[in-house]
Amino acid sequence: MEKHRKIKRRPGRIDAVRAKRAASQMATVDDLAAVLGIGRNAAYGLVQTKAVPALRYGRRYLIPRAVIAKIVNGEPFATPRPA
């Protein structure tokens, strides 16, 4: 049998990636779900029905963190209307 090699990971790499994502102006649907305390499917539903404005980048939806902050604070936010 062949032995499996152990993957070497750089120390602190995961923390660096998390810090970079937290500093980003855009959030993912998973981030939206975590902040609102709902499931991923419910968060995708909000984005796909355009209840929460988001940008589509490839296969990903990106939500501005400012919009999430307004939702959490109960402030109204403008939903872009298609032309």
N, C-alpha and C. Protein backbone atom coordinates (compact mmCIF):
# COMPACT_ATOMS: atom_id res chain seq x y z
N MET A 1 0.83 -1.18 0.00
CA MET A 1 0.00 0.00 0.00
C MET A 1 0.88 1.24 0.00
N GLU A 2 0.36 2.22 -0.64
CA GLU A 2 1.09 3.48 -0.74
C GLU A 2 0.71 4.39 0.42
N LYS A 3 1.72 5.02 0.99
CA LYS A 3 1.46 5.95 2.10
C LYS A 3 1.00 7.29 1.55
N HIS A 4 0.08 7.90 2.28
CA HIS A 4 -0.40 9.22 1.89
C HIS A 4 0.54 10.27 2.43
N ARG A 5 0.83 11.24 1.57
CA ARG A 5 1.68 12.33 2.00
C ARG A 5 0.86 13.35 2.77
N LYS A 6 1.45 13.88 3.80
CA LYS A 6 0.78 14.91 4.58
C LYS A 6 0.94 16.25 3.86
N ILE A 7 -0.16 16.97 3.75
CA ILE A 7 -0.15 18.27 3.07
C ILE A 7 0.41 19.31 4.02
N LYS A 8 1.41 20.03 3.54
CA LYS A 8 1.99 21.10 4.35
C LYS A 8 1.17 22.36 4.15
N ARG A 9 0.74 22.94 5.23
CA ARG A 9 -0.02 24.18 5.17
C ARG A 9 0.80 25.29 5.82
N ARG A 10 0.69 26.47 5.21
CA ARG A 10 1.38 27.60 5.80
C ARG A 10 0.64 28.04 7.05
N PRO A 11 1.36 28.28 8.12
CA PRO A 11 0.68 28.74 9.34
C PRO A 11 0.06 30.12 9.12
N GLY A 12 -1.18 30.26 9.58
CA GLY A 12 -1.86 31.54 9.48
C GLY A 12 -2.52 31.81 8.15
N ARG A 13 -2.43 30.88 7.23
CA ARG A 13 -3.00 31.09 5.88
C ARG A 13 -4.52 31.23 5.94
N ILE A 14 -5.17 30.38 6.69
CA ILE A 14 -6.63 30.43 6.78
C ILE A 14 -7.07 31.75 7.40
N ASP A 15 -6.35 32.19 8.43
CA ASP A 15 -6.68 33.47 9.06
C ASP A 15 -6.49 34.63 8.09
N ALA A 16 -5.47 34.56 7.26
CA ALA A 16 -5.21 35.62 6.29
C ALA A 16 -6.33 35.68 5.25
N VAL A 17 -6.80 34.54 4.81
CA VAL A 17 -7.88 34.50 3.82
C VAL A 17 -9.17 35.04 4.43
N ARG A 18 -9.47 34.64 5.67
CA ARG A 18 -10.67 35.14 6.34
C ARG A 18 -10.61 36.65 6.54
N ALA A 19 -9.44 37.17 6.91
CA ALA A 19 -9.28 38.61 7.11
C ALA A 19 -9.47 39.36 5.80
N LYS A 20 -8.96 38.81 4.71
CA LYS A 20 -9.09 39.45 3.41
C LYS A 20 -10.56 39.48 2.97
N ARG A 21 -11.29 38.38 3.20
CA ARG A 21 -12.71 38.35 2.85
C ARG A 21 -13.52 39.31 3.70
N ALA A 22 -13.18 39.43 4.98
CA ALA A 22 -13.91 40.33 5.88
C ALA A 22 -13.68 41.79 5.49
N ALA A 23 -12.49 42.10 4.96
CA ALA A 23 -12.17 43.47 4.58
C ALA A 23 -12.74 43.83 3.21
N SER A 24 -13.20 42.84 2.47
CA SER A 24 -13.75 43.08 1.14
C SER A 24 -15.06 43.86 1.22
N GLN A 25 -15.36 44.61 0.19
CA GLN A 25 -16.60 45.38 0.14
C GLN A 25 -17.77 44.52 -0.32
N MET A 26 -17.49 43.34 -0.83
CA MET A 26 -18.53 42.45 -1.32
C MET A 26 -18.59 41.20 -0.44
N ALA A 27 -19.78 40.64 -0.30
CA ALA A 27 -19.98 39.45 0.51
C ALA A 27 -20.61 38.37 -0.36
N THR A 28 -20.49 37.14 0.07
CA THR A 28 -21.08 36.02 -0.64
C THR A 28 -22.46 35.72 -0.06
N VAL A 29 -23.16 34.82 -0.69
CA VAL A 29 -24.48 34.41 -0.19
C VAL A 29 -24.33 33.71 1.15
N ASP A 30 -23.24 32.98 1.33
CA ASP A 30 -22.99 32.33 2.63
C ASP A 30 -22.83 33.37 3.74
N ASP A 31 -22.14 34.47 3.43
CA ASP A 31 -21.98 35.55 4.41
C ASP A 31 -23.34 36.18 4.74
N LEU A 32 -24.17 36.39 3.72
CA LEU A 32 -25.51 36.94 3.92
C LEU A 32 -26.33 36.03 4.83
N ALA A 33 -26.27 34.73 4.56
CA ALA A 33 -27.03 33.77 5.37
C ALA A 33 -26.56 33.78 6.82
N ALA A 34 -25.25 33.86 7.02
CA ALA A 34 -24.71 33.86 8.39
C ALA A 34 -25.14 35.11 9.16
N VAL A 35 -25.11 36.26 8.51
CA VAL A 35 -25.46 37.51 9.18
C VAL A 35 -26.95 37.55 9.52
N LEU A 36 -27.78 37.08 8.59
CA LEU A 36 -29.23 37.12 8.81
C LEU A 36 -29.74 35.95 9.65
N GLY A 37 -28.91 34.94 9.84
CA GLY A 37 -29.33 33.79 10.62
C GLY A 37 -30.32 32.91 9.89
N ILE A 38 -30.17 32.82 8.57
CA ILE A 38 -31.04 31.98 7.76
C ILE A 38 -30.19 30.95 7.03
N GLY A 39 -30.82 30.01 6.39
CA GLY A 39 -30.10 28.99 5.64
C GLY A 39 -29.62 29.50 4.29
N ARG A 40 -28.72 28.72 3.69
CA ARG A 40 -28.19 29.10 2.38
C ARG A 40 -29.27 29.14 1.31
N ASN A 41 -30.17 28.15 1.33
CA ASN A 41 -31.23 28.12 0.32
C ASN A 41 -32.13 29.34 0.44
N ALA A 42 -32.45 29.75 1.65
CA ALA A 42 -33.27 30.95 1.85
C ALA A 42 -32.54 32.19 1.37
N ALA A 43 -31.24 32.26 1.62
CA ALA A 43 -30.44 33.41 1.18
C ALA A 43 -30.37 33.46 -0.35
N TYR A 44 -30.18 32.30 -0.98
CA TYR A 44 -30.18 32.26 -2.45
C TYR A 44 -31.54 32.67 -2.99
N GLY A 45 -32.61 32.29 -2.30
CA GLY A 45 -33.95 32.69 -2.71
C GLY A 45 -34.13 34.19 -2.69
N LEU A 46 -33.62 34.84 -1.64
CA LEU A 46 -33.71 36.30 -1.55
C LEU A 46 -32.96 36.98 -2.70
N VAL A 47 -31.81 36.43 -3.03
CA VAL A 47 -31.00 37.02 -4.09
C VAL A 47 -31.63 36.77 -5.46
N GLN A 48 -32.11 35.56 -5.69
CA GLN A 48 -32.67 35.22 -7.00
C GLN A 48 -34.00 35.91 -7.27
N THR A 49 -34.76 36.23 -6.22
CA THR A 49 -36.02 36.96 -6.42
C THR A 49 -35.79 38.47 -6.40
N LYS A 50 -34.52 38.87 -6.30
CA LYS A 50 -34.11 40.28 -6.30
C LYS A 50 -34.64 41.05 -5.09
N ALA A 51 -34.94 40.34 -4.01
CA ALA A 51 -35.30 41.01 -2.76
C ALA A 51 -34.06 41.66 -2.15
N VAL A 52 -32.90 41.08 -2.43
CA VAL A 52 -31.61 41.63 -2.00
C VAL A 52 -30.79 41.87 -3.27
N PRO A 53 -30.35 43.10 -3.52
CA PRO A 53 -29.58 43.37 -4.73
C PRO A 53 -28.22 42.68 -4.69
N ALA A 54 -27.87 42.06 -5.80
CA ALA A 54 -26.59 41.35 -5.88
C ALA A 54 -26.07 41.40 -7.31
N LEU A 55 -24.78 41.20 -7.44
CA LEU A 55 -24.14 41.12 -8.75
C LEU A 55 -23.82 39.66 -9.04
N ARG A 56 -23.94 39.28 -10.27
CA ARG A 56 -23.59 37.91 -10.65
C ARG A 56 -22.21 37.96 -11.26
N TYR A 57 -21.27 37.21 -10.71
CA TYR A 57 -19.91 37.15 -11.21
C TYR A 57 -19.61 35.69 -11.50
N GLY A 58 -19.73 35.31 -12.76
CA GLY A 58 -19.58 33.90 -13.10
C GLY A 58 -20.76 33.13 -12.53
N ARG A 59 -20.47 32.18 -11.67
CA ARG A 59 -21.53 31.39 -11.02
C ARG A 59 -21.84 31.89 -9.62
N ARG A 60 -21.13 32.95 -9.20
CA ARG A 60 -21.29 33.45 -7.83
C ARG A 60 -22.15 34.69 -7.80
N TYR A 61 -22.86 34.86 -6.70
CA TYR A 61 -23.57 36.10 -6.43
C TYR A 61 -22.74 36.86 -5.40
N LEU A 62 -22.55 38.16 -5.64
CA LEU A 62 -21.83 39.00 -4.70
C LEU A 62 -22.75 40.12 -4.25
N ILE A 63 -22.84 40.30 -2.93
CA ILE A 63 -23.73 41.29 -2.34
C ILE A 63 -22.87 42.37 -1.69
N PRO A 64 -23.16 43.64 -1.96
CA PRO A 64 -22.40 44.70 -1.27
C PRO A 64 -22.62 44.64 0.24
N ARG A 65 -21.55 44.75 1.00
CA ARG A 65 -21.66 44.70 2.46
C ARG A 65 -22.48 45.87 2.99
N ALA A 66 -22.51 46.99 2.27
CA ALA A 66 -23.31 48.13 2.70
C ALA A 66 -24.80 47.77 2.68
N VAL A 67 -25.22 46.98 1.72
CA VAL A 67 -26.62 46.55 1.64
C VAL A 67 -26.94 45.64 2.82
N ILE A 68 -26.03 44.74 3.15
CA ILE A 68 -26.26 43.83 4.28
C ILE A 68 -26.35 44.64 5.58
N ALA A 69 -25.50 45.65 5.72
CA ALA A 69 -25.54 46.49 6.92
C ALA A 69 -26.87 47.22 7.03
N LYS A 70 -27.40 47.70 5.90
CA LYS A 70 -28.69 48.39 5.92
C LYS A 70 -29.81 47.42 6.30
N ILE A 71 -29.76 46.20 5.81
CA ILE A 71 -30.78 45.20 6.14
C ILE A 71 -30.75 44.91 7.63
N VAL A 72 -29.56 44.72 8.18
CA VAL A 72 -29.42 44.41 9.60
C VAL A 72 -29.92 45.57 10.46
N ASN A 73 -29.64 46.81 10.04
CA ASN A 73 -30.06 47.98 10.81
C ASN A 73 -31.51 48.36 10.57
N GLY A 74 -32.18 47.68 9.64
CA GLY A 74 -33.58 47.97 9.36
C GLY A 74 -33.80 49.19 8.49
N GLU A 75 -32.74 49.66 7.84
CA GLU A 75 -32.85 50.83 6.97
C GLU A 75 -33.34 50.40 5.59
N PRO A 76 -34.06 51.29 4.90
CA PRO A 76 -34.48 50.95 3.54
C PRO A 76 -33.27 50.99 2.59
N PHE A 77 -33.31 50.16 1.59
CA PHE A 77 -32.25 50.17 0.59
C PHE A 77 -32.91 50.12 -0.77
N ALA A 78 -32.27 50.75 -1.74
CA ALA A 78 -32.83 50.83 -3.09
C ALA A 78 -32.49 49.57 -3.86
N THR A 79 -33.51 48.95 -4.41
CA THR A 79 -33.32 47.80 -5.28
C THR A 79 -33.25 48.30 -6.71
N PRO A 80 -32.18 47.97 -7.43
CA PRO A 80 -32.08 48.47 -8.81
C PRO A 80 -33.20 47.91 -9.68
N ARG A 81 -33.78 48.78 -10.47
CA ARG A 81 -34.87 48.38 -11.39
C ARG A 81 -34.30 48.12 -12.76
N PRO A 82 -34.68 47.02 -13.39
CA PRO A 82 -34.19 46.78 -14.76
C PRO A 82 -34.77 47.79 -15.74
N ALA A 83 -33.99 48.17 -16.72
CA ALA A 83 -34.42 49.18 -17.70
C ALA A 83 -35.29 48.57 -18.76
